[in-house]
Amino acid sequence: PPDHEMPLDCEMIGVLGAITGVLGSIQATEAIKLIVGSAESSTGKLLIYNGSNQSFTTLPVAKDPSCPTCGLGAR
């Protein structure tokens, strides 16, 4: 059993392989949606996945005006 004084984070206890598969599948689906021009993409949203209870939460994320990729000066 882990020491109760140690923090239980991914660095210490690892990541369940199935979770990386779930998240990788979601990322692949998003890439396909962008390629085919799907009406709804997850651009501008943060998807939070809770593997303990199999729930998802989506939060809006604002663009950073000083970001070279998505900000005012982006191409």
PDB file of N, CA and C in Angstrom:
ATOM      1  N   PRO A   1       0.827  -1.205   0.000  1.00  0.00           N
ATOM      2  CA  PRO A   1       0.000   0.000   0.000  1.00  0.00           C
ATOM      3  C   PRO A   1       0.859   1.253   0.000  1.00  0.00           C
ATOM      4  N   PRO A   2       0.385   2.324  -0.655  1.00  0.00           N
ATOM      5  CA  PRO A   2       1.176   3.556  -0.675  1.00  0.00           C
ATOM      6  C   PRO A   2       1.246   4.204   0.700  1.00  0.00           C
ATOM      7  N   ASP A   3       2.319   4.935   0.894  1.00  0.00           N
ATOM      8  CA  ASP A   3       2.494   5.708   2.122  1.00  0.00           C
ATOM      9  C   ASP A   3       1.432   6.803   2.139  1.00  0.00           C
ATOM     10  N   HIS A   4       0.681   6.931   3.210  1.00  0.00           N
ATOM     11  CA  HIS A   4      -0.413   7.898   3.282  1.00  0.00           C
ATOM     12  C   HIS A   4       0.067   9.338   3.305  1.00  0.00           C
ATOM     13  N   GLU A   5       1.352   9.552   3.551  1.00  0.00           N
ATOM     14  CA  GLU A   5       1.879  10.906   3.549  1.00  0.00           C
ATOM     15  C   GLU A   5       2.324  11.347   2.165  1.00  0.00           C
ATOM     16  N   MET A   6       2.442  10.404   1.224  1.00  0.00           N
ATOM     17  CA  MET A   6       2.841  10.747  -0.135  1.00  0.00           C
ATOM     18  C   MET A   6       1.619  11.200  -0.932  1.00  0.00           C
ATOM     19  N   PRO A   7       1.783  12.224  -1.784  1.00  0.00           N
ATOM     20  CA  PRO A   7       0.653  12.641  -2.627  1.00  0.00           C
ATOM     21  C   PRO A   7       0.361  11.569  -3.673  1.00  0.00           C
ATOM     22  N   LEU A   8      -0.904  11.310  -3.925  1.00  0.00           N
ATOM     23  CA  LEU A   8      -1.284  10.324  -4.941  1.00  0.00           C
ATOM     24  C   LEU A   8      -1.572  11.058  -6.245  1.00  0.00           C
ATOM     25  N   ASP A   9      -0.519  11.273  -7.035  1.00  0.00           N
ATOM     26  CA  ASP A   9      -0.687  11.916  -8.327  1.00  0.00           C
ATOM     27  C   ASP A   9      -0.166  10.994  -9.427  1.00  0.00           C
ATOM     28  N   CYS A  10      -0.348  11.389 -10.658  1.00  0.00           N
ATOM     29  CA  CYS A  10       0.030  10.540 -11.788  1.00  0.00           C
ATOM     30  C   CYS A  10       1.521  10.225 -11.810  1.00  0.00           C
ATOM     31  N   GLU A  11       2.338  11.164 -11.353  1.00  0.00           N
ATOM     32  CA  GLU A  11       3.776  10.942 -11.343  1.00  0.00           C
ATOM     33  C   GLU A  11       4.152   9.815 -10.384  1.00  0.00           C
ATOM     34  N   MET A  12       3.430   9.721  -9.269  1.00  0.00           N
ATOM     35  CA  MET A  12       3.761   8.729  -8.256  1.00  0.00           C
ATOM     36  C   MET A  12       3.107   7.371  -8.505  1.00  0.00           C
ATOM     37  N   ILE A  13       1.853   7.355  -8.967  1.00  0.00           N
ATOM     38  CA  ILE A  13       1.140   6.081  -9.077  1.00  0.00           C
ATOM     39  C   ILE A  13       0.877   5.650 -10.516  1.00  0.00           C
ATOM     40  N   GLY A  14       1.221   6.492 -11.494  1.00  0.00           N
ATOM     41  CA  GLY A  14       1.048   6.126 -12.889  1.00  0.00           C
ATOM     42  C   GLY A  14      -0.331   6.507 -13.423  1.00  0.00           C
ATOM     43  N   VAL A  15      -0.560   6.118 -14.674  1.00  0.00           N
ATOM     44  CA  VAL A  15      -1.821   6.408 -15.349  1.00  0.00           C
ATOM     45  C   VAL A  15      -2.391   5.086 -15.848  1.00  0.00           C
ATOM     46  N   LEU A  16      -3.666   4.877 -15.608  1.00  0.00           N
ATOM     47  CA  LEU A  16      -4.326   3.671 -16.086  1.00  0.00           C
ATOM     48  C   LEU A  16      -4.347   3.675 -17.607  1.00  0.00           C
ATOM     49  N   GLY A  17      -3.850   2.617 -18.226  1.00  0.00           N
ATOM     50  CA  GLY A  17      -3.745   2.546 -19.684  1.00  0.00           C
ATOM     51  C   GLY A  17      -5.051   2.765 -20.406  1.00  0.00           C
ATOM     52  N   ALA A  18      -6.144   2.295 -19.852  1.00  0.00           N
ATOM     53  CA  ALA A  18      -7.437   2.454 -20.517  1.00  0.00           C
ATOM     54  C   ALA A  18      -7.829   3.925 -20.625  1.00  0.00           C
ATOM     55  N   ILE A  19      -7.439   4.730 -19.659  1.00  0.00           N
ATOM     56  CA  ILE A  19      -7.769   6.159 -19.702  1.00  0.00           C
ATOM     57  C   ILE A  19      -7.049   6.829 -20.867  1.00  0.00           C
ATOM     58  N   THR A  20      -5.800   6.470 -21.107  1.00  0.00           N
ATOM     59  CA  THR A  20      -5.089   7.065 -22.230  1.00  0.00           C
ATOM     60  C   THR A  20      -5.747   6.667 -23.547  1.00  0.00           C
ATOM     61  N   GLY A  21      -6.307   5.460 -23.620  1.00  0.00           N
ATOM     62  CA  GLY A  21      -7.035   5.032 -24.815  1.00  0.00           C
ATOM     63  C   GLY A  21      -8.305   5.828 -25.028  1.00  0.00           C
ATOM     64  N   VAL A  22      -9.044   6.057 -23.968  1.00  0.00           N
ATOM     65  CA  VAL A  22     -10.288   6.845 -24.058  1.00  0.00           C
ATOM     66  C   VAL A  22      -9.972   8.256 -24.530  1.00  0.00           C
ATOM     67  N   LEU A  23      -8.997   8.900 -23.913  1.00  0.00           N
ATOM     68  CA  LEU A  23      -8.666  10.275 -24.273  1.00  0.00           C
ATOM     69  C   LEU A  23      -8.055  10.360 -25.669  1.00  0.00           C
ATOM     70  N   GLY A  24      -7.267   9.379 -26.052  1.00  0.00           N
ATOM     71  CA  GLY A  24      -6.712   9.351 -27.405  1.00  0.00           C
ATOM     72  C   GLY A  24      -7.811   9.214 -28.453  1.00  0.00           C
ATOM     73  N   SER A  25      -8.822   8.406 -28.172  1.00  0.00           N
ATOM     74  CA  SER A  25      -9.956   8.258 -29.089  1.00  0.00           C
ATOM     75  C   SER A  25     -10.722   9.570 -29.229  1.00  0.00           C
ATOM     76  N   ILE A  26     -10.889  10.276 -28.130  1.00  0.00           N
ATOM     77  CA  ILE A  26     -11.574  11.569 -28.178  1.00  0.00           C
ATOM     78  C   ILE A  26     -10.764  12.561 -29.020  1.00  0.00           C
ATOM     79  N   GLN A  27      -9.446  12.579 -28.842  1.00  0.00           N
ATOM     80  CA  GLN A  27      -8.604  13.486 -29.619  1.00  0.00           C
ATOM     81  C   GLN A  27      -8.662  13.144 -31.106  1.00  0.00           C
ATOM     82  N   ALA A  28      -8.650  11.858 -31.439  1.00  0.00           N
ATOM     83  CA  ALA A  28      -8.738  11.451 -32.840  1.00  0.00           C
ATOM     84  C   ALA A  28     -10.072  11.872 -33.442  1.00  0.00           C
ATOM     85  N   THR A  29     -11.149  11.725 -32.687  1.00  0.00           N
ATOM     86  CA  THR A  29     -12.467  12.143 -33.171  1.00  0.00           C
ATOM     87  C   THR A  29     -12.497  13.640 -33.429  1.00  0.00           C
ATOM     88  N   GLU A  30     -11.899  14.434 -32.546  1.00  0.00           N
ATOM     89  CA  GLU A  30     -11.856  15.881 -32.736  1.00  0.00           C
ATOM     90  C   GLU A  30     -11.063  16.241 -33.982  1.00  0.00           C
ATOM     91  N   ALA A  31      -9.952  15.554 -34.224  1.00  0.00           N
ATOM     92  CA  ALA A  31      -9.151  15.819 -35.425  1.00  0.00           C
ATOM     93  C   ALA A  31      -9.959  15.509 -36.685  1.00  0.00           C
ATOM     94  N   ILE A  32     -10.683  14.399 -36.689  1.00  0.00           N
ATOM     95  CA  ILE A  32     -11.511  14.039 -37.852  1.00  0.00           C
ATOM     96  C   ILE A  32     -12.604  15.080 -38.064  1.00  0.00           C
ATOM     97  N   LYS A  33     -13.225  15.543 -36.982  1.00  0.00           N
ATOM     98  CA  LYS A  33     -14.267  16.565 -37.096  1.00  0.00           C
ATOM     99  C   LYS A  33     -13.720  17.839 -37.734  1.00  0.00           C
ATOM    100  N   LEU A  34     -12.494  18.228 -37.383  1.00  0.00           N
ATOM    101  CA  LEU A  34     -11.888  19.420 -37.981  1.00  0.00           C
ATOM    102  C   LEU A  34     -11.567  19.198 -39.460  1.00  0.00           C
ATOM    103  N   ILE A  35     -11.073  18.011 -39.803  1.00  0.00           N
ATOM    104  CA  ILE A  35     -10.708  17.701 -41.188  1.00  0.00           C
ATOM    105  C   ILE A  35     -11.931  17.707 -42.102  1.00  0.00           C
ATOM    106  N   VAL A  36     -13.025  17.104 -41.653  1.00  0.00           N
ATOM    107  CA  VAL A  36     -14.225  17.008 -42.502  1.00  0.00           C
ATOM    108  C   VAL A  36     -15.129  18.230 -42.382  1.00  0.00           C
ATOM    109  N   GLY A  37     -14.781  19.182 -41.522  1.00  0.00           N
ATOM    110  CA  GLY A  37     -15.571  20.393 -41.388  1.00  0.00           C
ATOM    111  C   GLY A  37     -16.887  20.184 -40.673  1.00  0.00           C
ATOM    112  N   SER A  38     -16.879  19.360 -39.666  1.00  0.00           N
ATOM    113  CA  SER A  38     -18.084  19.118 -38.881  1.00  0.00           C
ATOM    114  C   SER A  38     -18.604  20.424 -38.290  1.00  0.00           C
ATOM    115  N   ALA A  39     -19.900  20.518 -38.150  1.00  0.00           N
ATOM    116  CA  ALA A  39     -20.530  21.744 -37.661  1.00  0.00           C
ATOM    117  C   ALA A  39     -20.104  22.090 -36.244  1.00  0.00           C
ATOM    118  N   GLU A  40     -19.864  21.108 -35.410  1.00  0.00           N
ATOM    119  CA  GLU A  40     -19.533  21.374 -34.004  1.00  0.00           C
ATOM    120  C   GLU A  40     -18.184  20.766 -33.658  1.00  0.00           C
ATOM    121  N   SER A  41     -17.232  21.611 -33.276  1.00  0.00           N
ATOM    122  CA  SER A  41     -15.953  21.110 -32.782  1.00  0.00           C
ATOM    123  C   SER A  41     -15.792  21.569 -31.340  1.00  0.00           C
ATOM    124  N   SER A  42     -14.748  21.124 -30.702  1.00  0.00           N
ATOM    125  CA  SER A  42     -14.504  21.490 -29.310  1.00  0.00           C
ATOM    126  C   SER A  42     -13.527  22.644 -29.188  1.00  0.00           C
ATOM    127  N   THR A  43     -13.321  23.377 -30.277  1.00  0.00           N
ATOM    128  CA  THR A  43     -12.435  24.529 -30.241  1.00  0.00           C
ATOM    129  C   THR A  43     -12.969  25.548 -29.239  1.00  0.00           C
ATOM    130  N   GLY A  44     -12.085  26.037 -28.385  1.00  0.00           N
ATOM    131  CA  GLY A  44     -12.479  27.015 -27.381  1.00  0.00           C
ATOM    132  C   GLY A  44     -13.115  26.396 -26.149  1.00  0.00           C
ATOM    133  N   LYS A  45     -12.969  25.075 -25.996  1.00  0.00           N
ATOM    134  CA  LYS A  45     -13.546  24.384 -24.842  1.00  0.00           C
ATOM    135  C   LYS A  45     -12.483  23.506 -24.188  1.00  0.00           C
ATOM    136  N   LEU A  46     -12.590  23.343 -22.893  1.00  0.00           N
ATOM    137  CA  LEU A  46     -11.717  22.450 -22.140  1.00  0.00           C
ATOM    138  C   LEU A  46     -12.559  21.283 -21.660  1.00  0.00           C
ATOM    139  N   LEU A  47     -12.178  20.076 -22.053  1.00  0.00           N
ATOM    140  CA  LEU A  47     -12.894  18.872 -21.641  1.00  0.00           C
ATOM    141  C   LEU A  47     -12.160  18.258 -20.454  1.00  0.00           C
ATOM    142  N   ILE A  48     -12.861  18.099 -19.350  1.00  0.00           N
ATOM    143  CA  ILE A  48     -12.296  17.488 -18.144  1.00  0.00           C
ATOM    144  C   ILE A  48     -12.930  16.115 -17.982  1.00  0.00           C
ATOM    145  N   TYR A  49     -12.094  15.097 -17.869  1.00  0.00           N
ATOM    146  CA  TYR A  49     -12.567  13.713 -17.747  1.00  0.00           C
ATOM    147  C   TYR A  49     -12.264  13.197 -16.352  1.00  0.00           C
ATOM    148  N   ASN A  50     -13.277  12.687 -15.665  1.00  0.00           N
ATOM    149  CA  ASN A  50     -13.110  12.078 -14.351  1.00  0.00           C
ATOM    150  C   ASN A  50     -13.241  10.567 -14.533  1.00  0.00           C
ATOM    151  N   GLY A  51     -12.118   9.879 -14.512  1.00  0.00           N
ATOM    152  CA  GLY A  51     -12.123   8.441 -14.723  1.00  0.00           C
ATOM    153  C   GLY A  51     -12.726   7.667 -13.557  1.00  0.00           C
ATOM    154  N   SER A  52     -12.819   8.271 -12.385  1.00  0.00           N
ATOM    155  CA  SER A  52     -13.380   7.580 -11.223  1.00  0.00           C
ATOM    156  C   SER A  52     -14.863   7.289 -11.382  1.00  0.00           C
ATOM    157  N   ASN A  53     -15.577   8.245 -11.971  1.00  0.00           N
ATOM    158  CA  ASN A  53     -17.018   8.026 -12.132  1.00  0.00           C
ATOM    159  C   ASN A  53     -17.484   8.142 -13.590  1.00  0.00           C
ATOM    160  N   GLN A  54     -16.513   8.122 -14.523  1.00  0.00           N
ATOM    161  CA  GLN A  54     -16.827   8.149 -15.956  1.00  0.00           C
ATOM    162  C   GLN A  54     -17.654   9.369 -16.348  1.00  0.00           C
ATOM    163  N   SER A  55     -17.282  10.550 -15.845  1.00  0.00           N
ATOM    164  CA  SER A  55     -18.033  11.758 -16.179  1.00  0.00           C
ATOM    165  C   SER A  55     -17.138  12.749 -16.918  1.00  0.00           C
ATOM    166  N   PHE A  56     -17.776  13.592 -17.722  1.00  0.00           N
ATOM    167  CA  PHE A  56     -17.094  14.632 -18.467  1.00  0.00           C
ATOM    168  C   PHE A  56     -17.673  15.982 -18.068  1.00  0.00           C
ATOM    169  N   THR A  57     -16.830  16.994 -18.023  1.00  0.00           N
ATOM    170  CA  THR A  57     -17.257  18.370 -17.795  1.00  0.00           C
ATOM    171  C   THR A  57     -16.604  19.214 -18.882  1.00  0.00           C
ATOM    172  N   THR A  58     -17.362  20.098 -19.503  1.00  0.00           N
ATOM    173  CA  THR A  58     -16.827  20.979 -20.530  1.00  0.00           C
ATOM    174  C   THR A  58     -16.914  22.415 -20.051  1.00  0.00           C
ATOM    175  N   LEU A  59     -15.784  23.126 -20.140  1.00  0.00           N
ATOM    176  CA  LEU A  59     -15.716  24.524 -19.735  1.00  0.00           C
ATOM    177  C   LEU A  59     -15.272  25.374 -20.921  1.00  0.00           C
ATOM    178  N   PRO A  60     -15.830  26.571 -21.070  1.00  0.00           N
ATOM    179  CA  PRO A  60     -15.358  27.459 -22.136  1.00  0.00           C
ATOM    180  C   PRO A  60     -13.991  28.028 -21.779  1.00  0.00           C
ATOM    181  N   VAL A  61     -13.158  28.222 -22.795  1.00  0.00           N
ATOM    182  CA  VAL A  61     -11.830  28.796 -22.604  1.00  0.00           C
ATOM    183  C   VAL A  61     -11.702  29.987 -23.557  1.00  0.00           C
ATOM    184  N   ALA A  62     -11.416  31.140 -23.003  1.00  0.00           N
ATOM    185  CA  ALA A  62     -11.270  32.346 -23.818  1.00  0.00           C
ATOM    186  C   ALA A  62      -9.892  32.375 -24.473  1.00  0.00           C
ATOM    187  N   LYS A  63      -9.832  32.989 -25.657  1.00  0.00           N
ATOM    188  CA  LYS A  63      -8.549  33.164 -26.326  1.00  0.00           C
ATOM    189  C   LYS A  63      -7.717  34.185 -25.565  1.00  0.00           C
ATOM    190  N   ASP A  64      -6.418  33.976 -25.564  1.00  0.00           N
ATOM    191  CA  ASP A  64      -5.484  34.914 -24.951  1.00  0.00           C
ATOM    192  C   ASP A  64      -5.028  35.875 -26.042  1.00  0.00           C
ATOM    193  N   PRO A  65      -5.349  37.159 -25.932  1.00  0.00           N
ATOM    194  CA  PRO A  65      -4.985  38.108 -26.989  1.00  0.00           C
ATOM    195  C   PRO A  65      -3.483  38.157 -27.283  1.00  0.00           C
ATOM    196  N   SER A  66      -2.640  37.820 -26.310  1.00  0.00           N
ATOM    197  CA  SER A  66      -1.193  37.866 -26.533  1.00  0.00           C
ATOM    198  C   SER A  66      -0.620  36.535 -27.036  1.00  0.00           C
ATOM    199  N   CYS A  67      -1.471  35.529 -27.219  1.00  0.00           N
ATOM    200  CA  CYS A  67      -1.004  34.218 -27.694  1.00  0.00           C
ATOM    201  C   CYS A  67      -0.660  34.293 -29.182  1.00  0.00           C
ATOM    202  N   PRO A  68       0.538  33.832 -29.590  1.00  0.00           N
ATOM    203  CA  PRO A  68       0.912  33.896 -31.006  1.00  0.00           C
ATOM    204  C   PRO A  68       0.111  32.916 -31.878  1.00  0.00           C
ATOM    205  N   THR A  69      -0.509  31.909 -31.280  1.00  0.00           N
ATOM    206  CA  THR A  69      -1.269  30.922 -32.043  1.00  0.00           C
ATOM    207  C   THR A  69      -2.728  31.305 -32.217  1.00  0.00           C
ATOM    208  N   CYS A  70      -3.370  31.783 -31.148  1.00  0.00           N
ATOM    209  CA  CYS A  70      -4.801  32.064 -31.232  1.00  0.00           C
ATOM    210  C   CYS A  70      -5.168  33.517 -30.973  1.00  0.00           C
ATOM    211  N   GLY A  71      -4.190  34.343 -30.628  1.00  0.00           N
ATOM    212  CA  GLY A  71      -4.463  35.729 -30.244  1.00  0.00           C
ATOM    213  C   GLY A  71      -4.679  36.662 -31.417  1.00  0.00           C
ATOM    214  N   LEU A  72      -4.623  37.941 -31.131  1.00  0.00           N
ATOM    215  CA  LEU A  72      -4.916  38.965 -32.127  1.00  0.00           C
ATOM    216  C   LEU A  72      -3.974  38.941 -33.320  1.00  0.00           C
ATOM    217  N   GLY A  73      -2.701  38.595 -33.082  1.00  0.00           N
ATOM    218  CA  GLY A  73      -1.727  38.572 -34.180  1.00  0.00           C
ATOM    219  C   GLY A  73      -1.619  37.236 -34.896  1.00  0.00           C
ATOM    220  N   ALA A  74      -2.480  36.288 -34.580  1.00  0.00           N
ATOM    221  CA  ALA A  74      -2.399  34.949 -35.201  1.00  0.00           C
ATOM    222  C   ALA A  74      -2.793  35.016 -36.662  1.00  0.00           C
ATOM    223  N   ARG A  75      -2.222  34.106 -37.422  1.00  0.00           N
ATOM    224  CA  ARG A  75      -2.553  34.030 -38.851  1.00  0.00           C
ATOM    225  C   ARG A  75      -3.682  33.073 -39.083  1.00  0.00           C
TER     226      ARG A  75
END
